[in-house]
Amino acid sequence: MKVDVSSSSPILRMEVSTNDFGQLFALMAADEQVEVLRAMVDHMKPHAVQWDYIAIELEGPRNVSLRGTLHDIFTIK
């Protein structure tokens, strides 16, 4: 994600909401989306146990639909 900010004063903090990131991701070309997924997996390598916490979070009732959608997307047919 390239950000170009011109400012005469220091920028101490920039924020992107999960929704903003999702919208940006949706607008990317397929190859860029794959590269984002690759970068996420690569950056998670030092924190491999976090995948367990993500899986536990996905098991919650609030995430049933998301879990099903991800399953359908990533299940090889």
PDB file of N, CA and C in Angstrom:
ATOM      1  N   MET A   1       0.854  -1.149   0.000  1.00  0.00           N
ATOM      2  CA  MET A   1       0.000   0.000   0.000  1.00  0.00           C
ATOM      3  C   MET A   1       0.910   1.223   0.000  1.00  0.00           C
ATOM      4  N   LYS A   2       0.870   1.967  -1.035  1.00  0.00           N
ATOM      5  CA  LYS A   2       1.710   3.161  -1.123  1.00  0.00           C
ATOM      6  C   LYS A   2       0.926   4.356  -0.623  1.00  0.00           C
ATOM      7  N   VAL A   3       1.568   5.111   0.257  1.00  0.00           N
ATOM      8  CA  VAL A   3       0.966   6.337   0.777  1.00  0.00           C
ATOM      9  C   VAL A   3       1.957   7.457   0.544  1.00  0.00           C
ATOM     10  N   ASP A   4       1.513   8.505  -0.109  1.00  0.00           N
ATOM     11  CA  ASP A   4       2.345   9.673  -0.353  1.00  0.00           C
ATOM     12  C   ASP A   4       1.709  10.848   0.363  1.00  0.00           C
ATOM     13  N   VAL A   5       2.421  11.360   1.363  1.00  0.00           N
ATOM     14  CA  VAL A   5       1.885  12.468   2.153  1.00  0.00           C
ATOM     15  C   VAL A   5       2.886  13.620   2.111  1.00  0.00           C
ATOM     16  N   SER A   6       2.422  14.760   1.691  1.00  0.00           N
ATOM     17  CA  SER A   6       3.254  15.958   1.701  1.00  0.00           C
ATOM     18  C   SER A   6       2.830  16.807   2.887  1.00  0.00           C
ATOM     19  N   SER A   7       3.810  17.104   3.743  1.00  0.00           N
ATOM     20  CA  SER A   7       3.488  17.864   4.938  1.00  0.00           C
ATOM     21  C   SER A   7       4.724  18.611   5.418  1.00  0.00           C
ATOM     22  N   SER A   8       4.505  19.792   5.951  1.00  0.00           N
ATOM     23  CA  SER A   8       5.627  20.552   6.504  1.00  0.00           C
ATOM     24  C   SER A   8       5.839  20.234   7.978  1.00  0.00           C
ATOM     25  N   SER A   9       4.940  19.453   8.562  1.00  0.00           N
ATOM     26  CA  SER A   9       5.100  19.064   9.963  1.00  0.00           C
ATOM     27  C   SER A   9       5.116  17.533  10.061  1.00  0.00           C
ATOM     28  N   PRO A  10       5.707  17.006  11.125  1.00  0.00           N
ATOM     29  CA  PRO A  10       5.791  15.550  11.267  1.00  0.00           C
ATOM     30  C   PRO A  10       4.401  14.905  11.404  1.00  0.00           C
ATOM     31  N   ILE A  11       4.274  13.752  10.823  1.00  0.00           N
ATOM     32  CA  ILE A  11       3.044  12.981  10.949  1.00  0.00           C
ATOM     33  C   ILE A  11       3.324  11.880  11.961  1.00  0.00           C
ATOM     34  N   LEU A  12       2.672  11.965  13.095  1.00  0.00           N
ATOM     35  CA  LEU A  12       2.954  11.041  14.178  1.00  0.00           C
ATOM     36  C   LEU A  12       2.158   9.746  14.083  1.00  0.00           C
ATOM     37  N   ARG A  13       1.022   9.815  13.430  1.00  0.00           N
ATOM     38  CA  ARG A  13       0.176   8.626  13.394  1.00  0.00           C
ATOM     39  C   ARG A  13      -0.770   8.689  12.206  1.00  0.00           C
ATOM     40  N   MET A  14      -0.899   7.553  11.534  1.00  0.00           N
ATOM     41  CA  MET A  14      -1.866   7.424  10.450  1.00  0.00           C
ATOM     42  C   MET A  14      -2.691   6.177  10.761  1.00  0.00           C
ATOM     43  N   GLU A  15      -3.947   6.229  10.493  1.00  0.00           N
ATOM     44  CA  GLU A  15      -4.809   5.097  10.774  1.00  0.00           C
ATOM     45  C   GLU A  15      -5.582   4.688   9.528  1.00  0.00           C
ATOM     46  N   VAL A  16      -5.776   3.395   9.386  1.00  0.00           N
ATOM     47  CA  VAL A  16      -6.619   2.826   8.346  1.00  0.00           C
ATOM     48  C   VAL A  16      -7.528   1.836   9.051  1.00  0.00           C
ATOM     49  N   SER A  17      -8.823   2.017   8.890  1.00  0.00           N
ATOM     50  CA  SER A  17      -9.759   1.093   9.531  1.00  0.00           C
ATOM     51  C   SER A  17      -9.777  -0.226   8.766  1.00  0.00           C
ATOM     52  N   THR A  18     -10.271  -1.264   9.413  1.00  0.00           N
ATOM     53  CA  THR A  18     -10.393  -2.554   8.740  1.00  0.00           C
ATOM     54  C   THR A  18     -11.309  -2.433   7.530  1.00  0.00           C
ATOM     55  N   ASN A  19     -12.346  -1.639   7.644  1.00  0.00           N
ATOM     56  CA  ASN A  19     -13.249  -1.433   6.520  1.00  0.00           C
ATOM     57  C   ASN A  19     -12.536  -0.723   5.364  1.00  0.00           C
ATOM     58  N   ASP A  20     -11.751   0.304   5.676  1.00  0.00           N
ATOM     59  CA  ASP A  20     -10.983   1.001   4.646  1.00  0.00           C
ATOM     60  C   ASP A  20     -10.020   0.039   3.944  1.00  0.00           C
ATOM     61  N   PHE A  21      -9.347  -0.796   4.739  1.00  0.00           N
ATOM     62  CA  PHE A  21      -8.417  -1.757   4.146  1.00  0.00           C
ATOM     63  C   PHE A  21      -9.176  -2.748   3.260  1.00  0.00           C
ATOM     64  N   GLY A  22     -10.329  -3.204   3.707  1.00  0.00           N
ATOM     65  CA  GLY A  22     -11.141  -4.122   2.911  1.00  0.00           C
ATOM     66  C   GLY A  22     -11.557  -3.506   1.591  1.00  0.00           C
ATOM     67  N   GLN A  23     -11.948  -2.231   1.618  1.00  0.00           N
ATOM     68  CA  GLN A  23     -12.331  -1.551   0.384  1.00  0.00           C
ATOM     69  C   GLN A  23     -11.138  -1.419  -0.560  1.00  0.00           C
ATOM     70  N   LEU A  24      -9.983  -1.076  -0.010  1.00  0.00           N
ATOM     71  CA  LEU A  24      -8.773  -0.959  -0.822  1.00  0.00           C
ATOM     72  C   LEU A  24      -8.401  -2.312  -1.418  1.00  0.00           C
ATOM     73  N   PHE A  25      -8.473  -3.363  -0.604  1.00  0.00           N
ATOM     74  CA  PHE A  25      -8.162  -4.719  -1.061  1.00  0.00           C
ATOM     75  C   PHE A  25      -9.084  -5.120  -2.212  1.00  0.00           C
ATOM     76  N   ALA A  26     -10.360  -4.796  -2.095  1.00  0.00           N
ATOM     77  CA  ALA A  26     -11.336  -5.154  -3.126  1.00  0.00           C
ATOM     78  C   ALA A  26     -11.045  -4.472  -4.455  1.00  0.00           C
ATOM     79  N   LEU A  27     -10.413  -3.308  -4.427  1.00  0.00           N
ATOM     80  CA  LEU A  27     -10.106  -2.568  -5.642  1.00  0.00           C
ATOM     81  C   LEU A  27      -8.797  -2.996  -6.301  1.00  0.00           C
ATOM     82  N   MET A  28      -8.021  -3.822  -5.600  1.00  0.00           N
ATOM     83  CA  MET A  28      -6.737  -4.266  -6.150  1.00  0.00           C
ATOM     84  C   MET A  28      -6.947  -5.300  -7.245  1.00  0.00           C
ATOM     85  N   ALA A  29      -5.963  -5.403  -8.117  1.00  0.00           N
ATOM     86  CA  ALA A  29      -5.950  -6.474  -9.110  1.00  0.00           C
ATOM     87  C   ALA A  29      -5.694  -7.799  -8.386  1.00  0.00           C
ATOM     88  N   ALA A  30      -6.095  -8.895  -9.004  1.00  0.00           N
ATOM     89  CA  ALA A  30      -5.970 -10.218  -8.383  1.00  0.00           C
ATOM     90  C   ALA A  30      -4.531 -10.529  -7.965  1.00  0.00           C
ATOM     91  N   ASP A  31      -3.555 -10.181  -8.812  1.00  0.00           N
ATOM     92  CA  ASP A  31      -2.167 -10.469  -8.451  1.00  0.00           C
ATOM     93  C   ASP A  31      -1.723  -9.667  -7.227  1.00  0.00           C
ATOM     94  N   GLU A  32      -2.207  -8.438  -7.098  1.00  0.00           N
ATOM     95  CA  GLU A  32      -1.885  -7.628  -5.916  1.00  0.00           C
ATOM     96  C   GLU A  32      -2.554  -8.210  -4.671  1.00  0.00           C
ATOM     97  N   GLN A  33      -3.785  -8.690  -4.818  1.00  0.00           N
ATOM     98  CA  GLN A  33      -4.476  -9.306  -3.686  1.00  0.00           C
ATOM     99  C   GLN A  33      -3.715 -10.526  -3.198  1.00  0.00           C
ATOM    100  N   VAL A  34      -3.214 -11.332  -4.127  1.00  0.00           N
ATOM    101  CA  VAL A  34      -2.426 -12.507  -3.739  1.00  0.00           C
ATOM    102  C   VAL A  34      -1.156 -12.065  -3.017  1.00  0.00           C
ATOM    103  N   GLU A  35      -0.525 -11.009  -3.492  1.00  0.00           N
ATOM    104  CA  GLU A  35       0.692 -10.516  -2.838  1.00  0.00           C
ATOM    105  C   GLU A  35       0.406 -10.000  -1.428  1.00  0.00           C
ATOM    106  N   VAL A  36      -0.753  -9.380  -1.224  1.00  0.00           N
ATOM    107  CA  VAL A  36      -1.136  -8.943   0.124  1.00  0.00           C
ATOM    108  C   VAL A  36      -1.303 -10.164   1.021  1.00  0.00           C
ATOM    109  N   LEU A  37      -1.988 -11.199   0.528  1.00  0.00           N
ATOM    110  CA  LEU A  37      -2.153 -12.424   1.320  1.00  0.00           C
ATOM    111  C   LEU A  37      -0.799 -13.055   1.629  1.00  0.00           C
ATOM    112  N   ARG A  38       0.093 -13.074   0.631  1.00  0.00           N
ATOM    113  CA  ARG A  38       1.437 -13.619   0.846  1.00  0.00           C
ATOM    114  C   ARG A  38       2.180 -12.825   1.926  1.00  0.00           C
ATOM    115  N   ALA A  39       2.103 -11.504   1.855  1.00  0.00           N
ATOM    116  CA  ALA A  39       2.773 -10.660   2.842  1.00  0.00           C
ATOM    117  C   ALA A  39       2.207 -10.904   4.237  1.00  0.00           C
ATOM    118  N   MET A  40       0.881 -11.081   4.332  1.00  0.00           N
ATOM    119  CA  MET A  40       0.274 -11.353   5.638  1.00  0.00           C
ATOM    120  C   MET A  40       0.813 -12.658   6.212  1.00  0.00           C
ATOM    121  N   VAL A  41       0.858 -13.689   5.394  1.00  0.00           N
ATOM    122  CA  VAL A  41       1.367 -14.987   5.852  1.00  0.00           C
ATOM    123  C   VAL A  41       2.844 -14.869   6.232  1.00  0.00           C
ATOM    124  N   ASP A  42       3.630 -14.195   5.407  1.00  0.00           N
ATOM    125  CA  ASP A  42       5.057 -14.031   5.701  1.00  0.00           C
ATOM    126  C   ASP A  42       5.283 -13.274   7.006  1.00  0.00           C
ATOM    127  N   HIS A  43       4.536 -12.202   7.213  1.00  0.00           N
ATOM    128  CA  HIS A  43       4.711 -11.407   8.428  1.00  0.00           C
ATOM    129  C   HIS A  43       4.191 -12.121   9.669  1.00  0.00           C
ATOM    130  N   MET A  44       3.318 -13.088   9.479  1.00  0.00           N
ATOM    131  CA  MET A  44       2.786 -13.854  10.617  1.00  0.00           C
ATOM    132  C   MET A  44       3.712 -14.996  11.032  1.00  0.00           C
ATOM    133  N   LYS A  45       4.715 -15.327  10.223  1.00  0.00           N
ATOM    134  CA  LYS A  45       5.601 -16.450  10.544  1.00  0.00           C
ATOM    135  C   LYS A  45       6.195 -16.360  11.952  1.00  0.00           C
ATOM    136  N   PRO A  46       6.670 -15.199  12.396  1.00  0.00           N
ATOM    137  CA  PRO A  46       7.198 -15.127  13.755  1.00  0.00           C
ATOM    138  C   PRO A  46       6.107 -15.231  14.832  1.00  0.00           C
ATOM    139  N   HIS A  47       4.864 -15.163  14.418  1.00  0.00           N
ATOM    140  CA  HIS A  47       3.732 -15.167  15.350  1.00  0.00           C
ATOM    141  C   HIS A  47       2.761 -16.297  14.990  1.00  0.00           C
ATOM    142  N   ALA A  48       3.292 -17.457  14.676  1.00  0.00           N
ATOM    143  CA  ALA A  48       2.479 -18.567  14.147  1.00  0.00           C
ATOM    144  C   ALA A  48       1.309 -18.938  15.054  1.00  0.00           C
ATOM    145  N   VAL A  49       1.491 -18.820  16.357  1.00  0.00           N
ATOM    146  CA  VAL A  49       0.401 -19.178  17.278  1.00  0.00           C
ATOM    147  C   VAL A  49      -0.805 -18.257  17.093  1.00  0.00           C
ATOM    148  N   GLN A  50      -0.593 -17.079  16.530  1.00  0.00           N
ATOM    149  CA  GLN A  50      -1.703 -16.152  16.304  1.00  0.00           C
ATOM    150  C   GLN A  50      -2.747 -16.753  15.378  1.00  0.00           C
ATOM    151  N   TRP A  51      -2.326 -17.627  14.447  1.00  0.00           N
ATOM    152  CA  TRP A  51      -3.296 -18.295  13.571  1.00  0.00           C
ATOM    153  C   TRP A  51      -4.295 -19.092  14.395  1.00  0.00           C
ATOM    154  N   ASP A  52      -3.838 -19.681  15.518  1.00  0.00           N
ATOM    155  CA  ASP A  52      -4.755 -20.408  16.401  1.00  0.00           C
ATOM    156  C   ASP A  52      -5.795 -19.465  16.993  1.00  0.00           C
ATOM    157  N   TYR A  53      -5.353 -18.295  17.417  1.00  0.00           N
ATOM    158  CA  TYR A  53      -6.287 -17.318  17.991  1.00  0.00           C
ATOM    159  C   TYR A  53      -7.280 -16.824  16.930  1.00  0.00           C
ATOM    160  N   ILE A  54      -6.795 -16.658  15.717  1.00  0.00           N
ATOM    161  CA  ILE A  54      -7.684 -16.260  14.626  1.00  0.00           C
ATOM    162  C   ILE A  54      -8.715 -17.347  14.377  1.00  0.00           C
ATOM    163  N   ALA A  55      -8.272 -18.605  14.356  1.00  0.00           N
ATOM    164  CA  ALA A  55      -9.193 -19.733  14.155  1.00  0.00           C
ATOM    165  C   ALA A  55     -10.240 -19.786  15.261  1.00  0.00           C
ATOM    166  N   ILE A  56      -9.816 -19.566  16.497  1.00  0.00           N
ATOM    167  CA  ILE A  56     -10.751 -19.559  17.627  1.00  0.00           C
ATOM    168  C   ILE A  56     -11.764 -18.430  17.451  1.00  0.00           C
ATOM    169  N   GLU A  57     -11.294 -17.261  17.054  1.00  0.00           N
ATOM    170  CA  GLU A  57     -12.188 -16.110  16.831  1.00  0.00           C
ATOM    171  C   GLU A  57     -13.193 -16.418  15.718  1.00  0.00           C
ATOM    172  N   LEU A  58     -12.742 -17.068  14.664  1.00  0.00           N
ATOM    173  CA  LEU A  58     -13.634 -17.423  13.560  1.00  0.00           C
ATOM    174  C   LEU A  58     -14.692 -18.440  13.970  1.00  0.00           C
ATOM    175  N   GLU A  59     -14.441 -19.206  15.018  1.00  0.00           N
ATOM    176  CA  GLU A  59     -15.409 -20.197  15.485  1.00  0.00           C
ATOM    177  C   GLU A  59     -16.596 -19.555  16.205  1.00  0.00           C
ATOM    178  N   GLY A  60     -16.476 -18.297  16.562  1.00  0.00           N
ATOM    179  CA  GLY A  60     -17.549 -17.619  17.293  1.00  0.00           C
ATOM    180  C   GLY A  60     -18.798 -17.465  16.446  1.00  0.00           C
ATOM    181  N   PRO A  61     -19.963 -17.381  17.108  1.00  0.00           N
ATOM    182  CA  PRO A  61     -21.226 -17.279  16.391  1.00  0.00           C
ATOM    183  C   PRO A  61     -21.312 -16.044  15.484  1.00  0.00           C
ATOM    184  N   ARG A  62     -20.625 -14.996  15.851  1.00  0.00           N
ATOM    185  CA  ARG A  62     -20.636 -13.764  15.049  1.00  0.00           C
ATOM    186  C   ARG A  62     -19.971 -13.973  13.692  1.00  0.00           C
ATOM    187  N   ASN A  63     -19.131 -15.002  13.571  1.00  0.00           N
ATOM    188  CA  ASN A  63     -18.329 -15.198  12.368  1.00  0.00           C
ATOM    189  C   ASN A  63     -18.727 -16.420  11.545  1.00  0.00           C
ATOM    190  N   VAL A  64     -19.899 -16.980  11.807  1.00  0.00           N
ATOM    191  CA  VAL A  64     -20.350 -18.175  11.081  1.00  0.00           C
ATOM    192  C   VAL A  64     -20.384 -17.919   9.577  1.00  0.00           C
ATOM    193  N   SER A  65     -20.988 -16.823   9.174  1.00  0.00           N
ATOM    194  CA  SER A  65     -21.107 -16.504   7.749  1.00  0.00           C
ATOM    195  C   SER A  65     -19.733 -16.283   7.122  1.00  0.00           C
ATOM    196  N   LEU A  66     -18.875 -15.535   7.800  1.00  0.00           N
ATOM    197  CA  LEU A  66     -17.526 -15.283   7.300  1.00  0.00           C
ATOM    198  C   LEU A  66     -16.761 -16.591   7.150  1.00  0.00           C
ATOM    199  N   ARG A  67     -16.844 -17.448   8.151  1.00  0.00           N
ATOM    200  CA  ARG A  67     -16.160 -18.734   8.103  1.00  0.00           C
ATOM    201  C   ARG A  67     -16.635 -19.554   6.899  1.00  0.00           C
ATOM    202  N   GLY A  68     -17.932 -19.578   6.667  1.00  0.00           N
ATOM    203  CA  GLY A  68     -18.479 -20.312   5.533  1.00  0.00           C
ATOM    204  C   GLY A  68     -18.011 -19.748   4.205  1.00  0.00           C
ATOM    205  N   THR A  69     -18.004 -18.430   4.109  1.00  0.00           N
ATOM    206  CA  THR A  69     -17.558 -17.785   2.872  1.00  0.00           C
ATOM    207  C   THR A  69     -16.087 -18.083   2.608  1.00  0.00           C
ATOM    208  N   LEU A  70     -15.249 -17.955   3.645  1.00  0.00           N
ATOM    209  CA  LEU A  70     -13.825 -18.250   3.471  1.00  0.00           C
ATOM    210  C   LEU A  70     -13.618 -19.715   3.084  1.00  0.00           C
ATOM    211  N   HIS A  71     -14.383 -20.600   3.687  1.00  0.00           N
ATOM    212  CA  HIS A  71     -14.285 -22.019   3.348  1.00  0.00           C
ATOM    213  C   HIS A  71     -14.611 -22.227   1.869  1.00  0.00           C
ATOM    214  N   ASP A  72     -15.694 -21.616   1.407  1.00  0.00           N
ATOM    215  CA  ASP A  72     -16.098 -21.760   0.018  1.00  0.00           C
ATOM    216  C   ASP A  72     -15.063 -21.183  -0.945  1.00  0.00           C
ATOM    217  N   ILE A  73     -14.453 -20.077  -0.561  1.00  0.00           N
ATOM    218  CA  ILE A  73     -13.461 -19.423  -1.407  1.00  0.00           C
ATOM    219  C   ILE A  73     -12.198 -20.266  -1.523  1.00  0.00           C
ATOM    220  N   PHE A  74     -11.734 -20.783  -0.401  1.00  0.00           N
ATOM    221  CA  PHE A  74     -10.423 -21.441  -0.378  1.00  0.00           C
ATOM    222  C   PHE A  74     -10.475 -22.951  -0.480  1.00  0.00           C
ATOM    223  N   THR A  75     -11.634 -23.530  -0.632  1.00  0.00           N
ATOM    224  CA  THR A  75     -11.720 -24.968  -0.828  1.00  0.00           C
ATOM    225  C   THR A  75     -11.494 -25.273  -2.304  1.00  0.00           C
ATOM    226  N   ILE A  76     -10.487 -26.093  -2.561  1.00  0.00           N
ATOM    227  CA  ILE A  76     -10.169 -26.452  -3.942  1.00  0.00           C
ATOM    228  C   ILE A  76     -11.223 -27.396  -4.455  1.00  0.00           C
ATOM    229  N   LYS A  77     -11.773 -27.079  -5.613  1.00  0.00           N
ATOM    230  CA  LYS A  77     -12.852 -27.884  -6.172  1.00  0.00           C
ATOM    231  C   LYS A  77     -12.353 -28.758  -7.292  1.00  0.00           C
TER     232      LYS A  77
END
